[in-house]
N, C-alpha and C. Protein backbone atom coordinates (compact mmCIF):
# COMPACT_ATOMS: atom_id res chain seq x y z
N MET A 1 23.84 0.34 -5.15
CA MET A 1 23.78 0.01 -6.55
C MET A 1 22.51 0.62 -7.15
N VAL A 2 21.37 -0.03 -6.92
CA VAL A 2 20.16 0.47 -7.56
C VAL A 2 18.93 -0.15 -6.92
N LEU A 3 17.88 0.63 -6.90
CA LEU A 3 16.56 0.09 -6.58
C LEU A 3 16.03 -0.44 -7.90
N ASP A 4 15.85 -1.73 -8.00
CA ASP A 4 15.58 -2.40 -9.27
C ASP A 4 14.19 -3.02 -9.27
N LEU A 5 13.24 -2.36 -9.90
CA LEU A 5 11.87 -2.86 -9.94
C LEU A 5 11.71 -4.07 -10.86
N ASN A 6 12.74 -4.39 -11.63
CA ASN A 6 12.69 -5.56 -12.50
C ASN A 6 13.23 -6.82 -11.85
N LEU A 7 13.82 -6.69 -10.67
CA LEU A 7 14.34 -7.85 -9.96
C LEU A 7 13.18 -8.71 -9.48
N THR A 8 13.22 -10.00 -9.83
CA THR A 8 12.18 -10.92 -9.38
C THR A 8 12.83 -12.02 -8.53
N GLU A 9 12.00 -12.65 -7.72
CA GLU A 9 12.48 -13.75 -6.90
C GLU A 9 13.04 -14.87 -7.77
N GLU A 10 12.37 -15.15 -8.86
CA GLU A 10 12.80 -16.22 -9.76
C GLU A 10 14.18 -15.91 -10.35
N ASP A 11 14.38 -14.66 -10.80
CA ASP A 11 15.68 -14.28 -11.36
C ASP A 11 16.78 -14.39 -10.31
N ALA A 12 16.50 -13.93 -9.11
CA ALA A 12 17.50 -13.97 -8.04
C ALA A 12 17.84 -15.41 -7.67
N LEU A 13 16.81 -16.25 -7.56
CA LEU A 13 17.05 -17.65 -7.22
C LEU A 13 17.87 -18.35 -8.30
N GLU A 14 17.66 -17.96 -9.54
CA GLU A 14 18.45 -18.52 -10.65
C GLU A 14 19.92 -18.13 -10.49
N LYS A 15 20.18 -16.90 -10.04
CA LYS A 15 21.56 -16.45 -9.83
C LYS A 15 22.23 -17.24 -8.70
N VAL A 16 21.45 -17.55 -7.66
CA VAL A 16 22.00 -18.29 -6.53
C VAL A 16 22.23 -19.75 -6.89
N GLY A 17 21.31 -20.31 -7.66
CA GLY A 17 21.43 -21.73 -8.02
C GLY A 17 20.71 -22.61 -7.03
N GLU A 18 21.23 -23.80 -6.81
CA GLU A 18 20.56 -24.78 -5.95
C GLU A 18 20.44 -24.27 -4.52
N ILE A 19 19.24 -24.37 -3.97
CA ILE A 19 18.97 -23.98 -2.59
C ILE A 19 18.79 -25.26 -1.78
N ASN A 20 19.49 -25.34 -0.66
CA ASN A 20 19.33 -26.50 0.20
C ASN A 20 19.53 -26.09 1.66
N ARG A 21 19.47 -27.04 2.55
CA ARG A 21 19.57 -26.74 3.98
C ARG A 21 20.97 -26.28 4.39
N LYS A 22 21.95 -26.51 3.54
CA LYS A 22 23.31 -26.11 3.88
C LYS A 22 23.63 -24.68 3.46
N ASN A 23 22.87 -24.13 2.53
CA ASN A 23 23.20 -22.78 2.06
C ASN A 23 22.05 -21.78 2.22
N SER A 24 21.07 -22.11 3.05
CA SER A 24 19.95 -21.18 3.23
C SER A 24 19.30 -21.38 4.59
N PHE A 25 18.56 -20.37 5.03
CA PHE A 25 17.78 -20.48 6.26
C PHE A 25 16.62 -19.50 6.20
N VAL A 26 15.62 -19.75 7.04
CA VAL A 26 14.45 -18.88 7.16
C VAL A 26 14.23 -18.62 8.63
N ILE A 27 13.85 -17.40 8.95
CA ILE A 27 13.45 -17.06 10.31
C ILE A 27 12.17 -16.24 10.22
N ALA A 28 11.23 -16.51 11.11
CA ALA A 28 9.96 -15.79 11.10
C ALA A 28 9.58 -15.44 12.53
N GLY A 29 8.85 -14.35 12.68
CA GLY A 29 8.42 -13.95 14.02
C GLY A 29 7.57 -12.71 13.99
N ASN A 30 7.31 -12.19 15.16
CA ASN A 30 6.51 -10.98 15.32
C ASN A 30 7.35 -9.77 14.94
N SER A 31 6.79 -8.91 14.13
CA SER A 31 7.54 -7.78 13.60
C SER A 31 7.67 -6.62 14.58
N ARG A 32 7.03 -6.69 15.70
CA ARG A 32 7.04 -5.56 16.63
C ARG A 32 8.39 -5.38 17.32
N ASP A 33 9.25 -6.39 17.30
CA ASP A 33 10.55 -6.29 17.95
C ASP A 33 11.64 -6.68 16.96
N PRO A 34 12.12 -5.71 16.15
CA PRO A 34 13.14 -6.05 15.17
C PRO A 34 14.45 -6.50 15.79
N THR A 35 14.70 -6.17 17.06
CA THR A 35 15.92 -6.60 17.73
C THR A 35 16.04 -8.12 17.72
N PHE A 36 14.90 -8.81 17.90
CA PHE A 36 14.88 -10.26 17.83
C PHE A 36 15.45 -10.74 16.50
N PHE A 37 15.01 -10.12 15.41
CA PHE A 37 15.49 -10.52 14.08
C PHE A 37 16.97 -10.24 13.93
N TYR A 38 17.41 -9.05 14.32
CA TYR A 38 18.81 -8.69 14.13
C TYR A 38 19.73 -9.66 14.87
N MET A 39 19.43 -9.92 16.13
CA MET A 39 20.27 -10.82 16.92
C MET A 39 20.22 -12.24 16.37
N SER A 40 19.03 -12.72 16.05
CA SER A 40 18.89 -14.08 15.53
C SER A 40 19.58 -14.23 14.18
N LEU A 41 19.40 -13.25 13.30
CA LEU A 41 20.01 -13.33 11.98
C LEU A 41 21.52 -13.24 12.07
N ASP A 42 22.03 -12.39 12.94
CA ASP A 42 23.48 -12.31 13.11
C ASP A 42 24.04 -13.66 13.53
N ALA A 43 23.36 -14.33 14.45
CA ALA A 43 23.81 -15.66 14.90
C ALA A 43 23.74 -16.68 13.77
N LEU A 44 22.66 -16.65 12.98
CA LEU A 44 22.53 -17.59 11.87
C LEU A 44 23.58 -17.34 10.79
N VAL A 45 23.80 -16.08 10.47
CA VAL A 45 24.81 -15.75 9.46
C VAL A 45 26.17 -16.25 9.94
N ALA A 46 26.50 -16.02 11.20
CA ALA A 46 27.78 -16.46 11.74
C ALA A 46 27.92 -17.98 11.70
N ARG A 47 26.81 -18.69 11.90
CA ARG A 47 26.88 -20.15 11.95
C ARG A 47 26.83 -20.81 10.57
N PHE A 48 25.98 -20.30 9.68
CA PHE A 48 25.73 -21.00 8.42
C PHE A 48 26.45 -20.45 7.20
N ILE A 49 26.83 -19.20 7.22
CA ILE A 49 27.45 -18.63 6.03
C ILE A 49 28.97 -18.63 6.22
N PRO A 50 29.70 -19.22 5.28
CA PRO A 50 31.16 -19.26 5.41
C PRO A 50 31.75 -17.86 5.56
N ARG A 51 32.89 -17.77 6.19
CA ARG A 51 33.50 -16.48 6.55
C ARG A 51 33.63 -15.54 5.35
N ASP A 52 34.09 -16.05 4.20
CA ASP A 52 34.22 -15.18 3.02
C ASP A 52 32.90 -14.53 2.66
N PHE A 53 31.84 -15.32 2.72
CA PHE A 53 30.52 -14.81 2.38
C PHE A 53 29.97 -13.92 3.49
N ALA A 54 30.31 -14.24 4.74
CA ALA A 54 29.83 -13.44 5.87
C ALA A 54 30.38 -12.02 5.77
N ASP A 55 31.63 -11.88 5.35
CA ASP A 55 32.20 -10.54 5.18
C ASP A 55 31.47 -9.78 4.08
N LEU A 56 31.19 -10.44 2.95
CA LEU A 56 30.44 -9.80 1.87
C LEU A 56 29.03 -9.45 2.33
N HIS A 57 28.43 -10.35 3.10
CA HIS A 57 27.09 -10.12 3.64
C HIS A 57 27.09 -8.86 4.51
N GLU A 58 28.06 -8.76 5.38
CA GLU A 58 28.16 -7.60 6.28
C GLU A 58 28.33 -6.31 5.49
N GLN A 59 29.16 -6.34 4.47
CA GLN A 59 29.46 -5.14 3.69
C GLN A 59 28.33 -4.70 2.78
N HIS A 60 27.58 -5.65 2.19
CA HIS A 60 26.68 -5.30 1.10
C HIS A 60 25.21 -5.66 1.30
N VAL A 61 24.92 -6.53 2.24
CA VAL A 61 23.55 -7.04 2.37
C VAL A 61 22.90 -6.66 3.70
N ARG A 62 23.67 -6.60 4.76
CA ARG A 62 23.09 -6.42 6.09
C ARG A 62 22.27 -5.14 6.23
N LYS A 63 22.81 -3.99 5.82
CA LYS A 63 22.08 -2.73 6.01
C LYS A 63 20.75 -2.72 5.27
N PRO A 64 20.72 -3.06 3.96
CA PRO A 64 19.41 -3.06 3.30
C PRO A 64 18.46 -4.10 3.90
N ARG A 65 18.98 -5.24 4.35
CA ARG A 65 18.13 -6.25 5.00
C ARG A 65 17.52 -5.70 6.29
N ASP A 66 18.34 -5.04 7.10
CA ASP A 66 17.84 -4.50 8.36
C ASP A 66 16.82 -3.39 8.13
N VAL A 67 17.04 -2.57 7.11
CA VAL A 67 16.05 -1.54 6.76
C VAL A 67 14.73 -2.20 6.35
N ALA A 68 14.81 -3.26 5.56
CA ALA A 68 13.60 -3.96 5.12
C ALA A 68 12.86 -4.56 6.32
N ILE A 69 13.59 -5.11 7.28
CA ILE A 69 12.95 -5.67 8.48
C ILE A 69 12.26 -4.55 9.27
N GLU A 70 12.95 -3.43 9.42
CA GLU A 70 12.37 -2.31 10.16
C GLU A 70 11.12 -1.78 9.46
N ASN A 71 11.18 -1.65 8.14
CA ASN A 71 10.01 -1.19 7.38
C ASN A 71 8.85 -2.16 7.51
N ALA A 72 9.15 -3.45 7.44
CA ALA A 72 8.09 -4.46 7.59
C ALA A 72 7.44 -4.34 8.96
N GLY A 73 8.24 -4.09 9.98
CA GLY A 73 7.71 -3.94 11.33
C GLY A 73 6.86 -2.70 11.50
N GLN A 74 7.26 -1.60 10.86
CA GLN A 74 6.53 -0.34 10.99
C GLN A 74 5.29 -0.28 10.11
N HIS A 75 5.38 -0.84 8.93
CA HIS A 75 4.32 -0.64 7.94
C HIS A 75 3.58 -1.91 7.56
N GLY A 76 4.16 -3.06 7.83
CA GLY A 76 3.58 -4.32 7.40
C GLY A 76 2.64 -4.91 8.42
N GLY A 77 2.40 -6.18 8.28
CA GLY A 77 1.51 -6.88 9.19
C GLY A 77 2.23 -7.30 10.45
N ALA A 78 1.61 -8.18 11.18
CA ALA A 78 2.14 -8.59 12.48
C ALA A 78 3.27 -9.60 12.37
N SER A 79 3.42 -10.26 11.24
CA SER A 79 4.49 -11.25 11.13
C SER A 79 5.43 -10.91 9.98
N VAL A 80 6.68 -11.25 10.19
CA VAL A 80 7.73 -11.00 9.20
C VAL A 80 8.53 -12.29 9.05
N SER A 81 8.95 -12.59 7.83
CA SER A 81 9.86 -13.71 7.62
C SER A 81 11.05 -13.21 6.83
N VAL A 82 12.19 -13.83 7.10
CA VAL A 82 13.42 -13.49 6.40
C VAL A 82 14.01 -14.79 5.88
N PHE A 83 14.27 -14.83 4.58
CA PHE A 83 14.92 -15.97 3.92
C PHE A 83 16.28 -15.49 3.43
N GLU A 84 17.32 -16.24 3.71
CA GLU A 84 18.65 -15.91 3.21
C GLU A 84 19.28 -17.14 2.58
N ALA A 85 19.96 -16.93 1.47
CA ALA A 85 20.65 -18.02 0.78
C ALA A 85 21.95 -17.47 0.18
N TYR A 86 22.92 -18.34 0.01
CA TYR A 86 24.16 -17.93 -0.61
C TYR A 86 24.66 -19.05 -1.52
N SER A 87 25.50 -18.66 -2.45
CA SER A 87 26.19 -19.60 -3.33
C SER A 87 27.52 -18.95 -3.70
N PRO A 88 28.37 -19.65 -4.43
CA PRO A 88 29.63 -19.01 -4.83
C PRO A 88 29.43 -17.78 -5.72
N THR A 89 28.23 -17.60 -6.25
CA THR A 89 28.00 -16.48 -7.17
C THR A 89 27.09 -15.39 -6.64
N ALA A 90 26.37 -15.62 -5.52
CA ALA A 90 25.40 -14.62 -5.08
C ALA A 90 24.98 -14.82 -3.63
N LEU A 91 24.57 -13.71 -3.03
CA LEU A 91 23.88 -13.70 -1.74
C LEU A 91 22.48 -13.17 -2.01
N PHE A 92 21.46 -13.81 -1.45
CA PHE A 92 20.09 -13.42 -1.73
C PHE A 92 19.28 -13.40 -0.43
N VAL A 93 18.49 -12.35 -0.25
CA VAL A 93 17.65 -12.19 0.94
C VAL A 93 16.26 -11.77 0.51
N VAL A 94 15.25 -12.36 1.16
CA VAL A 94 13.86 -11.92 0.99
C VAL A 94 13.32 -11.58 2.37
N VAL A 95 12.82 -10.37 2.53
CA VAL A 95 12.12 -9.98 3.75
C VAL A 95 10.67 -9.79 3.36
N ALA A 96 9.79 -10.57 3.98
CA ALA A 96 8.36 -10.53 3.63
C ALA A 96 7.52 -10.27 4.87
N ASP A 97 6.41 -9.57 4.68
CA ASP A 97 5.47 -9.39 5.79
C ASP A 97 4.07 -9.69 5.28
N ASN A 98 3.11 -9.76 6.18
CA ASN A 98 1.74 -10.08 5.79
C ASN A 98 0.86 -8.83 5.69
N GLY A 99 1.48 -7.69 5.47
CA GLY A 99 0.75 -6.43 5.35
C GLY A 99 0.19 -6.21 3.96
N LYS A 100 -0.46 -5.06 3.78
CA LYS A 100 -1.09 -4.75 2.50
C LYS A 100 -0.10 -4.31 1.44
N GLY A 101 1.16 -4.02 1.85
CA GLY A 101 2.16 -3.62 0.88
C GLY A 101 2.12 -2.13 0.57
N PHE A 102 2.86 -1.74 -0.45
CA PHE A 102 2.88 -0.33 -0.89
C PHE A 102 3.18 -0.30 -2.37
N ASP A 103 2.94 0.85 -2.98
CA ASP A 103 3.20 1.01 -4.40
C ASP A 103 4.68 1.30 -4.60
N ALA A 104 5.46 0.24 -4.76
CA ALA A 104 6.91 0.37 -4.86
C ALA A 104 7.32 1.21 -6.06
N ALA A 105 6.66 1.02 -7.19
CA ALA A 105 7.02 1.77 -8.40
C ALA A 105 6.86 3.27 -8.17
N GLU A 106 5.78 3.67 -7.54
CA GLU A 106 5.54 5.09 -7.28
C GLU A 106 6.56 5.63 -6.27
N ALA A 107 6.84 4.87 -5.21
CA ALA A 107 7.80 5.31 -4.20
C ALA A 107 9.21 5.45 -4.80
N VAL A 108 9.62 4.48 -5.62
CA VAL A 108 10.94 4.54 -6.24
C VAL A 108 11.02 5.72 -7.20
N LYS A 109 9.97 5.96 -7.96
CA LYS A 109 9.93 7.11 -8.87
C LYS A 109 10.09 8.42 -8.09
N LYS A 110 9.36 8.55 -7.00
CA LYS A 110 9.47 9.75 -6.16
C LYS A 110 10.88 9.90 -5.60
N PHE A 111 11.48 8.79 -5.16
CA PHE A 111 12.83 8.82 -4.62
C PHE A 111 13.80 9.36 -5.66
N TYR A 112 13.76 8.82 -6.89
CA TYR A 112 14.69 9.25 -7.93
C TYR A 112 14.38 10.66 -8.43
N ASP A 113 13.14 11.10 -8.29
CA ASP A 113 12.78 12.48 -8.66
C ASP A 113 13.10 13.49 -7.57
N GLY A 114 13.55 12.99 -6.39
CA GLY A 114 13.87 13.88 -5.28
C GLY A 114 12.65 14.37 -4.52
N ARG A 115 11.52 13.68 -4.70
CA ARG A 115 10.30 14.07 -3.99
C ARG A 115 10.13 13.20 -2.74
N ARG A 116 9.32 13.68 -1.80
CA ARG A 116 9.05 12.93 -0.58
C ARG A 116 8.29 11.64 -0.95
N TYR A 117 8.82 10.51 -0.50
CA TYR A 117 8.24 9.21 -0.83
C TYR A 117 7.93 8.40 0.41
N TYR A 118 8.21 8.94 1.58
CA TYR A 118 8.17 8.17 2.81
C TYR A 118 7.13 8.71 3.79
N HIS A 119 6.86 7.89 4.80
CA HIS A 119 5.89 8.28 5.83
C HIS A 119 6.55 8.56 7.17
N VAL A 120 7.73 7.97 7.42
CA VAL A 120 8.36 8.11 8.73
C VAL A 120 9.66 8.88 8.59
N GLY A 121 10.79 8.20 8.38
CA GLY A 121 12.09 8.88 8.39
C GLY A 121 12.65 9.19 7.02
N GLY A 122 12.51 8.26 6.08
CA GLY A 122 12.95 8.51 4.71
C GLY A 122 14.35 8.06 4.36
N ASP A 123 15.05 7.40 5.26
CA ASP A 123 16.41 6.96 4.95
C ASP A 123 16.47 5.57 4.32
N GLY A 124 15.39 4.81 4.36
CA GLY A 124 15.40 3.43 3.90
C GLY A 124 15.84 3.26 2.46
N PHE A 125 15.20 3.96 1.54
CA PHE A 125 15.57 3.83 0.13
C PHE A 125 17.00 4.33 -0.10
N LYS A 126 17.39 5.37 0.60
CA LYS A 126 18.74 5.91 0.45
C LYS A 126 19.77 4.84 0.85
N ILE A 127 19.55 4.17 1.97
CA ILE A 127 20.45 3.12 2.42
C ILE A 127 20.46 1.97 1.41
N MET A 128 19.29 1.58 0.93
CA MET A 128 19.21 0.50 -0.05
C MET A 128 19.91 0.89 -1.35
N HIS A 129 19.68 2.12 -1.79
CA HIS A 129 20.27 2.62 -3.04
C HIS A 129 21.80 2.68 -2.94
N GLU A 130 22.32 3.02 -1.77
CA GLU A 130 23.76 3.16 -1.59
C GLU A 130 24.48 1.82 -1.43
N SER A 131 23.74 0.75 -1.20
CA SER A 131 24.38 -0.56 -1.06
C SER A 131 24.84 -1.04 -2.44
N LYS A 132 25.69 -2.04 -2.45
CA LYS A 132 26.17 -2.59 -3.72
C LYS A 132 25.28 -3.73 -4.20
N ALA A 133 24.19 -3.96 -3.51
CA ALA A 133 23.25 -5.01 -3.89
C ALA A 133 22.13 -4.43 -4.75
N ARG A 134 21.50 -5.30 -5.53
CA ARG A 134 20.28 -4.91 -6.23
C ARG A 134 19.13 -5.12 -5.25
N VAL A 135 18.28 -4.13 -5.11
CA VAL A 135 17.16 -4.22 -4.18
C VAL A 135 15.88 -4.00 -4.98
N GLY A 136 14.94 -4.93 -4.84
CA GLY A 136 13.66 -4.83 -5.54
C GLY A 136 12.53 -5.19 -4.60
N PHE A 137 11.34 -5.16 -5.16
CA PHE A 137 10.13 -5.43 -4.39
C PHE A 137 9.18 -6.26 -5.24
N ASN A 138 8.36 -7.06 -4.58
CA ASN A 138 7.35 -7.77 -5.34
C ASN A 138 6.25 -6.78 -5.75
N GLU A 139 5.36 -7.24 -6.60
CA GLU A 139 4.33 -6.35 -7.14
C GLU A 139 3.42 -5.77 -6.04
N LYS A 140 3.12 -6.57 -5.05
CA LYS A 140 2.24 -6.12 -3.96
C LYS A 140 2.96 -5.12 -3.04
N GLY A 141 4.28 -5.21 -2.97
CA GLY A 141 5.03 -4.31 -2.11
C GLY A 141 5.18 -4.78 -0.68
N ASN A 142 4.98 -6.07 -0.45
CA ASN A 142 5.18 -6.59 0.91
C ASN A 142 6.35 -7.58 0.99
N LYS A 143 7.19 -7.58 -0.03
CA LYS A 143 8.42 -8.36 -0.03
C LYS A 143 9.54 -7.48 -0.56
N THR A 144 10.66 -7.51 0.14
CA THR A 144 11.86 -6.83 -0.33
C THR A 144 12.85 -7.90 -0.75
N LEU A 145 13.40 -7.76 -1.95
CA LEU A 145 14.35 -8.72 -2.51
C LEU A 145 15.72 -8.04 -2.56
N ILE A 146 16.74 -8.70 -2.03
CA ILE A 146 18.08 -8.15 -2.02
C ILE A 146 19.01 -9.19 -2.65
N LEU A 147 19.69 -8.80 -3.71
CA LEU A 147 20.59 -9.72 -4.43
C LEU A 147 21.95 -9.05 -4.58
N TYR A 148 22.97 -9.70 -4.06
CA TYR A 148 24.34 -9.26 -4.26
C TYR A 148 25.06 -10.32 -5.06
N GLU A 149 25.49 -9.95 -6.25
CA GLU A 149 26.20 -10.90 -7.10
C GLU A 149 27.71 -10.76 -6.88
N ILE A 150 28.34 -11.90 -6.66
CA ILE A 150 29.76 -11.93 -6.33
C ILE A 150 30.59 -12.00 -7.62
């Protein structure tokens, strides 16, 4: 869909509506082993997100979420947390790390201008851009926000 620098956590949470223990979860750990996150999150999604939403999650949210986790592990601090929530109207994910962040506005501008914006492989923004979710970043650049509206 789009890399959306105007997407805020508050706006996304408003789209999701009420957050409670039945429709959300958080996982946190050391960012050096993203496999831990992928396996743990897959198990949580299978357990907590209803099948209809799990299919939408797989199609539209999983790839940008996994890219965000990988980026947090490569460029962020030592710890990463992932928050996921769903409602009948939206799926929302926040991937946060304790690193110094990056200039998201500059990186997104370079991406859309076709200039080099990356330090390692460069597929992250492309994968996020190609998803059907809105993907944004906090001002500091150490949180990735993913919102898929149903």
